[in-house]
Amino acid sequence: MTDRIVDLSEEPARLAVRNGLLTIGRDGGAEMTVPLGELGVLVVSHPQVTYTQAVLSGLAESGGAFVTCNAARLPVGMLLPIDANYVQSERFNAQAHAPLPVQKRVWQQIVRAKVMAQGALLERLYGDDKGLANLAQKVRSGDPSNLEAQASRRYWLALFRDGEFRRDREAEDQNRFLNYGYAVLRAIVARAIVGAGLHPSLGVHHHNRYNGFCLADDLMEPLRPRVDSAVVDLVRARGAKAPLDREAKAALIGAVAERVEVDGEARSIFEGASRLAGSLVAVLEGKRKRLLIPGI
C-alpha cells in the first residue's frame, strides 16, 4: 500500500467516489483519480471544494484521515476512522487504566527523544546543539523538572537565529508554516493511533478537556523537528512573511512524508508512526518497556 498526502488548496474542485476511487474534478481540467486505499491524509483548504458523504465514509473505511482548514488555509478539524482495530475496546481500557508510573516512563522517553532530535537538528544546521544532548540525558521519569521547556527555550532561540522569534500559533510569520506542517504530522500520527486500537483523546502527558487528540500530541513530539527543518529552509529561501501557498505546502508535506529510521531501516512516515503506536500498545499491556520511536 502507498500512503499519500493530498492537499486541495489552490483551486475549486468536486470530490466524489467511484469504484473505490476518489475522483477529483476541476473546471476545465482533466479528472484525477486516487485509490482510496492509497490515501493516508486528505487535506481540504480551498473554500470551493465540495465533497459527498461517500468521500468521507469511503476515506474513513479505508483508514485515511480527513483534514479541513479555515479561511486562512490552516487546519482546524480532523475526521478519523473509529472502527480501525478489532480489539480497540480492550485497548481503550488499557489506556484508561494505565498506571501512572508507566505513563511517566513513556513521557520520559518521548521528551528525551524530542530533545535529542532538536539537538541533532541544531548540530546539523549550525554545528552546535546548544547542550541539548546533555540535557536530554537528565530527563527523569515524568520530566518533573520540566526539562522539555528548558530545551524548548534554547531551541527556538537558536533555530532561526532570531532572538525575537517566539512560538506563537497566532503569529503571522514562520509560525504559519510550523502550524501547517505540524497539523499534517498530527493527522498521520492520529491515524496510526486509531489503527493501533487506541483512543487519540487519552494522552499520557497532554490532558485537555477541549483537545480530542492529546495522545497524538504526545507521540508526535519527537517528530516535530522534521517540520522545523523544512521551515528553516523555507525562511532562508523566501522569508518568514512568505505566503503559505502551494510551493510552501508542497515543501512541508514533502518534509513530513520523508522516510524515517525504524530499527535501523528506512520506513515511510506512516509505517514509522504505526510502529510507534503499536509499541505504545505493547508498553501499556506490559509486553515491553520502551517505545519504538522513529529517528528523524
C-alpha atoms as a PDB file:
ATOM      1  CA  MET A   1       0.000   0.000   0.000  1.00  0.00           C
ATOM      2  CA  THR A   2       1.179   3.506  -0.834  1.00  0.00           C
ATOM      3  CA  ASP A   3       0.170   6.156   1.691  1.00  0.00           C
ATOM      4  CA  ARG A   4      -0.304   9.508   0.007  1.00  0.00           C
ATOM      5  CA  ILE A   5      -0.928  13.012   1.314  1.00  0.00           C
ATOM      6  CA  VAL A   6      -3.201  15.057  -0.959  1.00  0.00           C
ATOM      7  CA  ASP A   7      -3.741  18.789  -0.373  1.00  0.00           C
ATOM      8  CA  LEU A   8      -6.519  20.629  -2.232  1.00  0.00           C
ATOM      9  CA  SER A   9      -5.844  24.299  -1.697  1.00  0.00           C
ATOM     10  CA  GLU A  10      -5.279  26.163  -4.947  1.00  0.00           C
ATOM     11  CA  GLU A  11      -8.488  25.858  -6.956  1.00  0.00           C
ATOM     12  CA  PRO A  12     -12.120  24.730  -6.732  1.00  0.00           C
ATOM     13  CA  ALA A  13     -12.717  21.000  -7.037  1.00  0.00           C
ATOM     14  CA  ARG A  14     -15.511  18.440  -6.822  1.00  0.00           C
ATOM     15  CA  LEU A  15     -14.775  15.255  -4.909  1.00  0.00           C
ATOM     16  CA  ALA A  16     -16.704  12.036  -5.307  1.00  0.00           C
ATOM     17  CA  VAL A  17     -16.171   8.284  -5.043  1.00  0.00           C
ATOM     18  CA  ARG A  18     -16.482   5.833  -7.899  1.00  0.00           C
ATOM     19  CA  ASN A  19     -15.453   2.158  -7.876  1.00  0.00           C
ATOM     20  CA  GLY A  20     -13.169   2.587  -4.886  1.00  0.00           C
ATOM     21  CA  LEU A  21     -11.506   5.662  -6.349  1.00  0.00           C
ATOM     22  CA  LEU A  22     -11.547   9.232  -5.110  1.00  0.00           C
ATOM     23  CA  THR A  23     -12.332  11.365  -8.143  1.00  0.00           C
ATOM     24  CA  ILE A  24     -11.181  14.983  -8.261  1.00  0.00           C
ATOM     25  CA  GLY A  25     -12.968  17.105 -10.860  1.00  0.00           C
ATOM     26  CA  ARG A  26     -11.787  20.600 -11.803  1.00  0.00           C
ATOM     27  CA  ASP A  27     -13.375  23.132 -14.154  1.00  0.00           C
ATOM     28  CA  GLY A  28     -11.559  23.000 -17.457  1.00  0.00           C
ATOM     29  CA  GLY A  29      -9.199  20.267 -16.305  1.00  0.00           C
ATOM     30  CA  ALA A  30      -8.989  16.508 -16.637  1.00  0.00           C
ATOM     31  CA  GLU A  31     -10.480  14.451 -13.836  1.00  0.00           C
ATOM     32  CA  MET A  32      -7.934  12.931 -11.479  1.00  0.00           C
ATOM     33  CA  THR A  33      -8.406   9.701  -9.550  1.00  0.00           C
ATOM     34  CA  VAL A  34      -6.689   8.262  -6.475  1.00  0.00           C
ATOM     35  CA  PRO A  35      -7.463   4.833  -4.989  1.00  0.00           C
ATOM     36  CA  LEU A  36      -8.993   5.369  -1.548  1.00  0.00           C
ATOM     37  CA  GLY A  37      -6.742   2.658  -0.166  1.00  0.00           C
ATOM     38  CA  GLU A  38      -3.687   4.727  -1.065  1.00  0.00           C
ATOM     39  CA  LEU A  39      -4.810   7.882   0.706  1.00  0.00           C
ATOM     40  CA  GLY A  40      -3.190   8.455   4.074  1.00  0.00           C
ATOM     41  CA  VAL A  41      -4.304  12.063   4.592  1.00  0.00           C
ATOM     42  CA  LEU A  42      -6.638  14.273   2.549  1.00  0.00           C
ATOM     43  CA  VAL A  43      -6.291  17.999   3.333  1.00  0.00           C
ATOM     44  CA  VAL A  44      -9.018  20.337   2.020  1.00  0.00           C
ATOM     45  CA  SER A  45      -8.366  24.047   2.378  1.00  0.00           C
ATOM     46  CA  HIS A  46      -9.875  25.759  -0.686  1.00  0.00           C
ATOM     47  CA  PRO A  47     -13.307  27.185   0.235  1.00  0.00           C
ATOM     48  CA  GLN A  48     -14.867  25.969  -3.028  1.00  0.00           C
ATOM     49  CA  VAL A  49     -14.045  22.308  -2.719  1.00  0.00           C
ATOM     50  CA  THR A  50     -17.212  20.213  -2.481  1.00  0.00           C
ATOM     51  CA  TYR A  51     -17.440  16.573  -1.472  1.00  0.00           C
ATOM     52  CA  THR A  52     -20.074  13.931  -0.897  1.00  0.00           C
ATOM     53  CA  GLN A  53     -20.835  11.816   2.151  1.00  0.00           C
ATOM     54  CA  ALA A  54     -19.352   8.899   0.214  1.00  0.00           C
ATOM     55  CA  VAL A  55     -15.982  10.668   0.204  1.00  0.00           C
ATOM     56  CA  LEU A  56     -15.881  10.978   3.989  1.00  0.00           C
ATOM     57  CA  SER A  57     -17.197   7.492   4.697  1.00  0.00           C
ATOM     58  CA  GLY A  58     -15.042   5.888   1.997  1.00  0.00           C
ATOM     59  CA  LEU A  59     -11.899   7.560   3.281  1.00  0.00           C
ATOM     60  CA  ALA A  60     -12.671   6.532   6.869  1.00  0.00           C
ATOM     61  CA  GLU A  61     -13.418   2.940   5.861  1.00  0.00           C
ATOM     62  CA  SER A  62     -10.076   2.816   4.040  1.00  0.00           C
ATOM     63  CA  GLY A  63      -8.235   4.024   7.151  1.00  0.00           C
ATOM     64  CA  GLY A  64      -7.463   7.550   5.922  1.00  0.00           C
ATOM     65  CA  ALA A  65      -7.633  10.873   7.751  1.00  0.00           C
ATOM     66  CA  PHE A  66      -9.553  13.930   6.502  1.00  0.00           C
ATOM     67  CA  VAL A  67      -8.308  17.402   7.495  1.00  0.00           C
ATOM     68  CA  THR A  68     -10.363  20.555   6.935  1.00  0.00           C
ATOM     69  CA  CYS A  69      -8.994  24.098   7.006  1.00  0.00           C
ATOM     70  CA  ASN A  70     -10.250  27.568   7.866  1.00  0.00           C
ATOM     71  CA  ALA A  71     -10.332  30.740   5.756  1.00  0.00           C
ATOM     72  CA  ALA A  72      -6.613  31.267   6.416  1.00  0.00           C
ATOM     73  CA  ARG A  73      -5.955  27.803   4.919  1.00  0.00           C
ATOM     74  CA  LEU A  74      -4.806  26.435   8.273  1.00  0.00           C
ATOM     75  CA  PRO A  75      -6.109  23.063   9.576  1.00  0.00           C
ATOM     76  CA  VAL A  76      -8.906  23.316  12.136  1.00  0.00           C
ATOM     77  CA  GLY A  77     -10.587  19.903  12.106  1.00  0.00           C
ATOM     78  CA  MET A  78      -9.935  16.220  11.540  1.00  0.00           C
ATOM     79  CA  LEU A  79     -12.007  13.118  10.781  1.00  0.00           C
ATOM     80  CA  LEU A  80     -10.572   9.709  11.722  1.00  0.00           C
ATOM     81  CA  PRO A  81     -11.861   6.121  11.481  1.00  0.00           C
ATOM     82  CA  ILE A  82     -13.495   4.783  14.645  1.00  0.00           C
ATOM     83  CA  ASP A  83     -13.502   1.097  13.709  1.00  0.00           C
ATOM     84  CA  ALA A  84      -9.896   0.529  12.716  1.00  0.00           C
ATOM     85  CA  ASN A  85      -8.955  -2.268  15.118  1.00  0.00           C
ATOM     86  CA  TYR A  86     -10.858  -5.347  16.249  1.00  0.00           C
ATOM     87  CA  VAL A  87      -9.581  -5.164  19.846  1.00  0.00           C
ATOM     88  CA  GLN A  88      -9.960  -1.437  20.346  1.00  0.00           C
ATOM     89  CA  SER A  89     -12.318  -1.655  23.356  1.00  0.00           C
ATOM     90  CA  GLU A  90      -9.725  -3.794  25.141  1.00  0.00           C
ATOM     91  CA  ARG A  91      -7.002  -1.304  24.292  1.00  0.00           C
ATOM     92  CA  PHE A  92      -9.135   1.683  25.275  1.00  0.00           C
ATOM     93  CA  ASN A  93      -9.430   0.030  28.673  1.00  0.00           C
ATOM     94  CA  ALA A  94      -5.652  -0.450  28.915  1.00  0.00           C
ATOM     95  CA  GLN A  95      -5.178   3.232  28.068  1.00  0.00           C
ATOM     96  CA  ALA A  96      -7.717   4.473  30.569  1.00  0.00           C
ATOM     97  CA  HIS A  97      -6.234   2.393  33.387  1.00  0.00           C
ATOM     98  CA  ALA A  98      -2.536   2.749  32.578  1.00  0.00           C
ATOM     99  CA  PRO A  99      -0.581   3.034  35.868  1.00  0.00           C
ATOM    100  CA  LEU A 100       0.863   6.472  36.499  1.00  0.00           C
ATOM    101  CA  PRO A 101       4.473   5.157  36.668  1.00  0.00           C
ATOM    102  CA  VAL A 102       4.040   3.679  33.182  1.00  0.00           C
ATOM    103  CA  GLN A 103       2.692   6.965  31.821  1.00  0.00           C
ATOM    104  CA  LYS A 104       5.583   8.864  33.402  1.00  0.00           C
ATOM    105  CA  ARG A 105       8.138   6.464  31.953  1.00  0.00           C
ATOM    106  CA  VAL A 106       6.601   6.811  28.485  1.00  0.00           C
ATOM    107  CA  TRP A 107       6.676  10.610  28.746  1.00  0.00           C
ATOM    108  CA  GLN A 108      10.332  10.487  29.815  1.00  0.00           C
ATOM    109  CA  GLN A 109      11.175   8.511  26.670  1.00  0.00           C
ATOM    110  CA  ILE A 110       9.213  10.913  24.468  1.00  0.00           C
ATOM    111  CA  VAL A 111      10.860  14.015  25.944  1.00  0.00           C
ATOM    112  CA  ARG A 112      14.331  12.525  25.685  1.00  0.00           C
ATOM    113  CA  ALA A 113      13.782  11.602  22.044  1.00  0.00           C
ATOM    114  CA  LYS A 114      12.343  15.045  21.253  1.00  0.00           C
ATOM    115  CA  VAL A 115      15.211  16.948  22.880  1.00  0.00           C
ATOM    116  CA  MET A 116      17.774  14.685  21.203  1.00  0.00           C
ATOM    117  CA  ALA A 117      16.113  15.305  17.825  1.00  0.00           C
ATOM    118  CA  GLN A 118      16.089  19.062  18.414  1.00  0.00           C
ATOM    119  CA  GLY A 119      19.767  18.992  19.334  1.00  0.00           C
ATOM    120  CA  ALA A 120      20.611  16.874  16.287  1.00  0.00           C
ATOM    121  CA  LEU A 121      18.894  19.404  14.020  1.00  0.00           C
ATOM    122  CA  LEU A 122      20.767  22.349  15.557  1.00  0.00           C
ATOM    123  CA  GLU A 123      24.031  20.406  15.258  1.00  0.00           C
ATOM    124  CA  ARG A 124      23.346  19.721  11.569  1.00  0.00           C
ATOM    125  CA  LEU A 125      22.346  23.295  10.810  1.00  0.00           C
ATOM    126  CA  TYR A 126      24.891  25.222  12.871  1.00  0.00           C
ATOM    127  CA  GLY A 127      27.413  22.768  14.319  1.00  0.00           C
ATOM    128  CA  ASP A 128      26.224  23.380  17.895  1.00  0.00           C
ATOM    129  CA  ASP A 129      23.435  21.526  19.679  1.00  0.00           C
ATOM    130  CA  LYS A 130      23.251  24.136  22.484  1.00  0.00           C
ATOM    131  CA  GLY A 131      23.771  21.407  25.070  1.00  0.00           C
ATOM    132  CA  LEU A 132      20.523  19.631  24.247  1.00  0.00           C
ATOM    133  CA  ALA A 133      22.058  16.146  24.010  1.00  0.00           C
ATOM    134  CA  ASN A 134      23.389  16.542  27.533  1.00  0.00           C
ATOM    135  CA  LEU A 135      20.086  17.968  28.763  1.00  0.00           C
ATOM    136  CA  ALA A 136      18.180  15.019  27.265  1.00  0.00           C
ATOM    137  CA  GLN A 137      20.120  12.565  29.416  1.00  0.00           C
ATOM    138  CA  LYS A 138      18.953  14.379  32.550  1.00  0.00           C
ATOM    139  CA  VAL A 139      15.240  13.920  31.864  1.00  0.00           C
ATOM    140  CA  ARG A 140      13.726  11.816  34.635  1.00  0.00           C
ATOM    141  CA  SER A 141      10.514   9.823  34.747  1.00  0.00           C
ATOM    142  CA  GLY A 142       7.612  12.203  34.105  1.00  0.00           C
ATOM    143  CA  ASP A 143      10.065  15.086  33.497  1.00  0.00           C
ATOM    144  CA  PRO A 144       9.360  16.683  36.915  1.00  0.00           C
ATOM    145  CA  SER A 145      11.940  19.436  36.309  1.00  0.00           C
ATOM    146  CA  ASN A 146      10.237  20.319  33.013  1.00  0.00           C
ATOM    147  CA  LEU A 147      13.478  19.997  31.051  1.00  0.00           C
ATOM    148  CA  GLU A 148      11.350  19.861  27.919  1.00  0.00           C
ATOM    149  CA  ALA A 149      10.520  23.554  28.414  1.00  0.00           C
ATOM    150  CA  GLN A 150      14.137  24.440  29.175  1.00  0.00           C
ATOM    151  CA  ALA A 151      15.232  22.691  25.982  1.00  0.00           C
ATOM    152  CA  SER A 152      12.477  24.440  24.046  1.00  0.00           C
ATOM    153  CA  ARG A 153      13.699  27.905  25.091  1.00  0.00           C
ATOM    154  CA  ARG A 154      17.225  27.137  23.924  1.00  0.00           C
ATOM    155  CA  TYR A 155      15.983  25.505  20.747  1.00  0.00           C
ATOM    156  CA  TRP A 156      13.675  28.239  19.460  1.00  0.00           C
ATOM    157  CA  LEU A 157      16.220  30.985  20.161  1.00  0.00           C
ATOM    158  CA  ALA A 158      18.789  29.079  18.108  1.00  0.00           C
ATOM    159  CA  LEU A 159      16.684  27.539  15.340  1.00  0.00           C
ATOM    160  CA  PHE A 160      16.020  30.641  13.236  1.00  0.00           C
ATOM    161  CA  ARG A 161      18.980  32.663  14.514  1.00  0.00           C
ATOM    162  CA  ASP A 162      16.389  35.242  15.576  1.00  0.00           C
ATOM    163  CA  GLY A 163      16.351  36.426  19.178  1.00  0.00           C
ATOM    164  CA  GLU A 164      12.890  37.903  18.650  1.00  0.00           C
ATOM    165  CA  PHE A 165      11.220  34.689  17.481  1.00  0.00           C
ATOM    166  CA  ARG A 166       8.562  33.157  19.710  1.00  0.00           C
ATOM    167  CA  ARG A 167       6.491  30.064  19.110  1.00  0.00           C
ATOM    168  CA  ASP A 168       3.052  31.645  18.759  1.00  0.00           C
ATOM    169  CA  ARG A 169       0.310  29.854  16.857  1.00  0.00           C
ATOM    170  CA  GLU A 170      -1.390  33.147  16.015  1.00  0.00           C
ATOM    171  CA  ALA A 171       1.689  34.969  14.680  1.00  0.00           C
ATOM    172  CA  GLU A 172       1.856  35.916  11.002  1.00  0.00           C
ATOM    173  CA  ASP A 173       5.425  34.741  10.449  1.00  0.00           C
ATOM    174  CA  GLN A 174       7.071  31.325  10.125  1.00  0.00           C
ATOM    175  CA  ASN A 175       4.670  30.132  12.800  1.00  0.00           C
ATOM    176  CA  ARG A 176       2.133  29.670   9.982  1.00  0.00           C
ATOM    177  CA  PHE A 177       4.449  27.166   8.291  1.00  0.00           C
ATOM    178  CA  LEU A 178       5.012  25.355  11.579  1.00  0.00           C
ATOM    179  CA  ASN A 179       1.254  25.202  12.229  1.00  0.00           C
ATOM    180  CA  TYR A 180       0.552  23.647   8.846  1.00  0.00           C
ATOM    181  CA  GLY A 181       3.378  21.112   8.970  1.00  0.00           C
ATOM    182  CA  TYR A 182       2.512  20.054  12.495  1.00  0.00           C
ATOM    183  CA  ALA A 183      -1.153  19.624  11.556  1.00  0.00           C
ATOM    184  CA  VAL A 184      -0.285  17.218   8.734  1.00  0.00           C
ATOM    185  CA  LEU A 185       2.083  15.316  11.029  1.00  0.00           C
ATOM    186  CA  ARG A 186      -0.598  15.214  13.728  1.00  0.00           C
ATOM    187  CA  ALA A 187      -3.073  13.681  11.283  1.00  0.00           C
ATOM    188  CA  ILE A 188      -0.608  10.944  10.355  1.00  0.00           C
ATOM    189  CA  VAL A 189       0.106  10.124  13.998  1.00  0.00           C
ATOM    190  CA  ALA A 190      -3.580  10.249  14.953  1.00  0.00           C
ATOM    191  CA  ARG A 191      -4.359   7.871  12.097  1.00  0.00           C
ATOM    192  CA  ALA A 192      -1.706   5.459  13.368  1.00  0.00           C
ATOM    193  CA  ILE A 193      -3.081   5.683  16.913  1.00  0.00           C
ATOM    194  CA  VAL A 194      -6.592   4.765  15.767  1.00  0.00           C
ATOM    195  CA  GLY A 195      -5.175   1.976  13.614  1.00  0.00           C
ATOM    196  CA  ALA A 196      -3.466   0.526  16.691  1.00  0.00           C
ATOM    197  CA  GLY A 197      -6.784   0.409  18.532  1.00  0.00           C
ATOM    198  CA  LEU A 198      -6.002   3.323  20.849  1.00  0.00           C
ATOM    199  CA  HIS A 199      -8.063   6.446  21.501  1.00  0.00           C
ATOM    200  CA  PRO A 200      -6.399   9.703  20.395  1.00  0.00           C
ATOM    201  CA  SER A 201      -8.011  11.680  23.244  1.00  0.00           C
ATOM    202  CA  LEU A 202      -6.408   9.694  26.079  1.00  0.00           C
ATOM    203  CA  GLY A 203      -2.910  11.104  26.383  1.00  0.00           C
ATOM    204  CA  VAL A 204      -0.042  10.018  28.593  1.00  0.00           C
ATOM    205  CA  HIS A 205       1.001  13.625  29.300  1.00  0.00           C
ATOM    206  CA  HIS A 206      -1.245  16.051  27.411  1.00  0.00           C
ATOM    207  CA  HIS A 207      -4.600  16.324  29.165  1.00  0.00           C
ATOM    208  CA  ASN A 208      -7.011  18.982  27.958  1.00  0.00           C
ATOM    209  CA  ARG A 209     -10.769  18.638  28.063  1.00  0.00           C
ATOM    210  CA  TYR A 210     -11.020  20.625  24.823  1.00  0.00           C
ATOM    211  CA  ASN A 211      -8.406  18.602  22.914  1.00  0.00           C
ATOM    212  CA  GLY A 212      -9.553  15.453  21.159  1.00  0.00           C
ATOM    213  CA  PHE A 213      -6.026  14.472  20.128  1.00  0.00           C
ATOM    214  CA  CYS A 214      -3.971  14.501  23.318  1.00  0.00           C
ATOM    215  CA  LEU A 215      -2.247  11.197  22.559  1.00  0.00           C
ATOM    216  CA  ALA A 216      -1.377  12.345  19.033  1.00  0.00           C
ATOM    217  CA  ASP A 217       0.187  15.463  20.535  1.00  0.00           C
ATOM    218  CA  ASP A 218       2.224  13.243  22.864  1.00  0.00           C
ATOM    219  CA  LEU A 219       3.534  10.819  20.259  1.00  0.00           C
ATOM    220  CA  MET A 220       4.308  13.381  17.550  1.00  0.00           C
ATOM    221  CA  GLU A 221       6.700  15.359  19.776  1.00  0.00           C
ATOM    222  CA  PRO A 222       9.942  13.615  18.682  1.00  0.00           C
ATOM    223  CA  LEU A 223       8.948  14.021  15.008  1.00  0.00           C
ATOM    224  CA  ARG A 224       8.353  17.777  15.089  1.00  0.00           C
ATOM    225  CA  PRO A 225      11.969  18.679  14.140  1.00  0.00           C
ATOM    226  CA  ARG A 226      11.452  17.243  10.634  1.00  0.00           C
ATOM    227  CA  VAL A 227       8.864  20.017  10.114  1.00  0.00           C
ATOM    228  CA  ASP A 228      11.130  22.578  11.793  1.00  0.00           C
ATOM    229  CA  SER A 229      13.945  21.727   9.382  1.00  0.00           C
ATOM    230  CA  ALA A 230      11.716  22.360   6.362  1.00  0.00           C
ATOM    231  CA  VAL A 231      10.545  25.667   7.840  1.00  0.00           C
ATOM    232  CA  VAL A 232      14.149  26.817   8.321  1.00  0.00           C
ATOM    233  CA  ASP A 233      14.742  26.099   4.622  1.00  0.00           C
ATOM    234  CA  LEU A 234      11.575  27.988   3.647  1.00  0.00           C
ATOM    235  CA  VAL A 235      12.515  31.026   5.715  1.00  0.00           C
ATOM    236  CA  ARG A 236      16.001  31.082   4.251  1.00  0.00           C
ATOM    237  CA  ALA A 237      14.678  30.852   0.703  1.00  0.00           C
ATOM    238  CA  ARG A 238      11.545  33.010   0.867  1.00  0.00           C
ATOM    239  CA  GLY A 239      11.450  34.849   4.198  1.00  0.00           C
ATOM    240  CA  ALA A 240       9.283  34.482   7.287  1.00  0.00           C
ATOM    241  CA  LYS A 241       6.435  36.506   5.760  1.00  0.00           C
ATOM    242  CA  ALA A 242       6.164  34.431   2.567  1.00  0.00           C
ATOM    243  CA  PRO A 243       2.656  33.179   1.753  1.00  0.00           C
ATOM    244  CA  LEU A 244       1.523  29.723   2.789  1.00  0.00           C
ATOM    245  CA  ASP A 245       0.977  28.826  -0.860  1.00  0.00           C
ATOM    246  CA  ARG A 246       1.223  25.679  -2.967  1.00  0.00           C
ATOM    247  CA  GLU A 247       5.014  25.799  -3.027  1.00  0.00           C
ATOM    248  CA  ALA A 248       5.289  26.180   0.735  1.00  0.00           C
ATOM    249  CA  LYS A 249       2.759  23.435   1.413  1.00  0.00           C
ATOM    250  CA  ALA A 250       4.494  21.073  -1.004  1.00  0.00           C
ATOM    251  CA  ALA A 251       7.782  21.629   0.816  1.00  0.00           C
ATOM    252  CA  LEU A 252       6.178  20.999   4.199  1.00  0.00           C
ATOM    253  CA  ILE A 253       4.283  17.901   3.084  1.00  0.00           C
ATOM    254  CA  GLY A 254       7.440  16.611   1.431  1.00  0.00           C
ATOM    255  CA  ALA A 255       9.363  17.028   4.679  1.00  0.00           C
ATOM    256  CA  VAL A 256       6.690  15.274   6.712  1.00  0.00           C
ATOM    257  CA  ALA A 257       6.479  12.425   4.196  1.00  0.00           C
ATOM    258  CA  GLU A 258      10.220  11.736   4.131  1.00  0.00           C
ATOM    259  CA  ARG A 259      11.252   8.296   5.289  1.00  0.00           C
ATOM    260  CA  VAL A 260      12.199   7.707   8.918  1.00  0.00           C
ATOM    261  CA  GLU A 261      14.587   5.282  10.547  1.00  0.00           C
ATOM    262  CA  VAL A 262      12.936   2.440  12.466  1.00  0.00           C
ATOM    263  CA  ASP A 263      15.122  -0.270  13.959  1.00  0.00           C
ATOM    264  CA  GLY A 264      17.945   0.708  11.625  1.00  0.00           C
ATOM    265  CA  GLU A 265      15.804   0.570   8.479  1.00  0.00           C
ATOM    266  CA  ALA A 266      14.294   3.346   6.376  1.00  0.00           C
ATOM    267  CA  ARG A 267      10.499   3.264   6.570  1.00  0.00           C
ATOM    268  CA  SER A 268       7.668   5.520   5.450  1.00  0.00           C
ATOM    269  CA  ILE A 269       6.450   8.060   7.998  1.00  0.00           C
ATOM    270  CA  PHE A 270       3.126   6.186   8.019  1.00  0.00           C
ATOM    271  CA  GLU A 271       4.811   2.911   8.954  1.00  0.00           C
ATOM    272  CA  GLY A 272       7.049   4.679  11.462  1.00  0.00           C
ATOM    273  CA  ALA A 273       4.010   6.221  13.161  1.00  0.00           C
ATOM    274  CA  SER A 274       2.231   2.861  13.147  1.00  0.00           C
ATOM    275  CA  ARG A 275       5.211   1.122  14.730  1.00  0.00           C
ATOM    276  CA  LEU A 276       5.359   3.854  17.372  1.00  0.00           C
ATOM    277  CA  ALA A 277       1.662   3.492  18.209  1.00  0.00           C
ATOM    278  CA  GLY A 278       1.955  -0.277  18.225  1.00  0.00           C
ATOM    279  CA  SER A 279       4.880  -0.127  20.636  1.00  0.00           C
ATOM    280  CA  LEU A 280       2.791   2.011  22.984  1.00  0.00           C
ATOM    281  CA  VAL A 281       0.151  -0.716  22.985  1.00  0.00           C
ATOM    282  CA  ALA A 282       2.839  -3.231  23.987  1.00  0.00           C
ATOM    283  CA  VAL A 283       4.050  -0.924  26.778  1.00  0.00           C
ATOM    284  CA  LEU A 284       0.514  -0.439  28.104  1.00  0.00           C
ATOM    285  CA  GLU A 285      -0.045  -4.197  28.036  1.00  0.00           C
ATOM    286  CA  GLY A 286       3.228  -4.835  29.884  1.00  0.00           C
ATOM    287  CA  LYS A 287       4.859  -6.624  26.944  1.00  0.00           C
ATOM    288  CA  ARG A 288       7.744  -4.188  26.526  1.00  0.00           C
ATOM    289  CA  LYS A 289       9.398  -1.341  28.408  1.00  0.00           C
ATOM    290  CA  ARG A 290      10.335   1.107  25.681  1.00  0.00           C
ATOM    291  CA  LEU A 291       8.610   2.867  22.823  1.00  0.00           C
ATOM    292  CA  LEU A 292       9.863   2.315  19.300  1.00  0.00           C
ATOM    293  CA  ILE A 293      10.414   5.966  18.418  1.00  0.00           C
ATOM    294  CA  PRO A 294      11.413   6.659  14.794  1.00  0.00           C
ATOM    295  CA  GLY A 295      14.545   8.661  14.168  1.00  0.00           C
ATOM    296  CA  ILE A 296      14.134  11.767  12.068  1.00  0.00           C
END
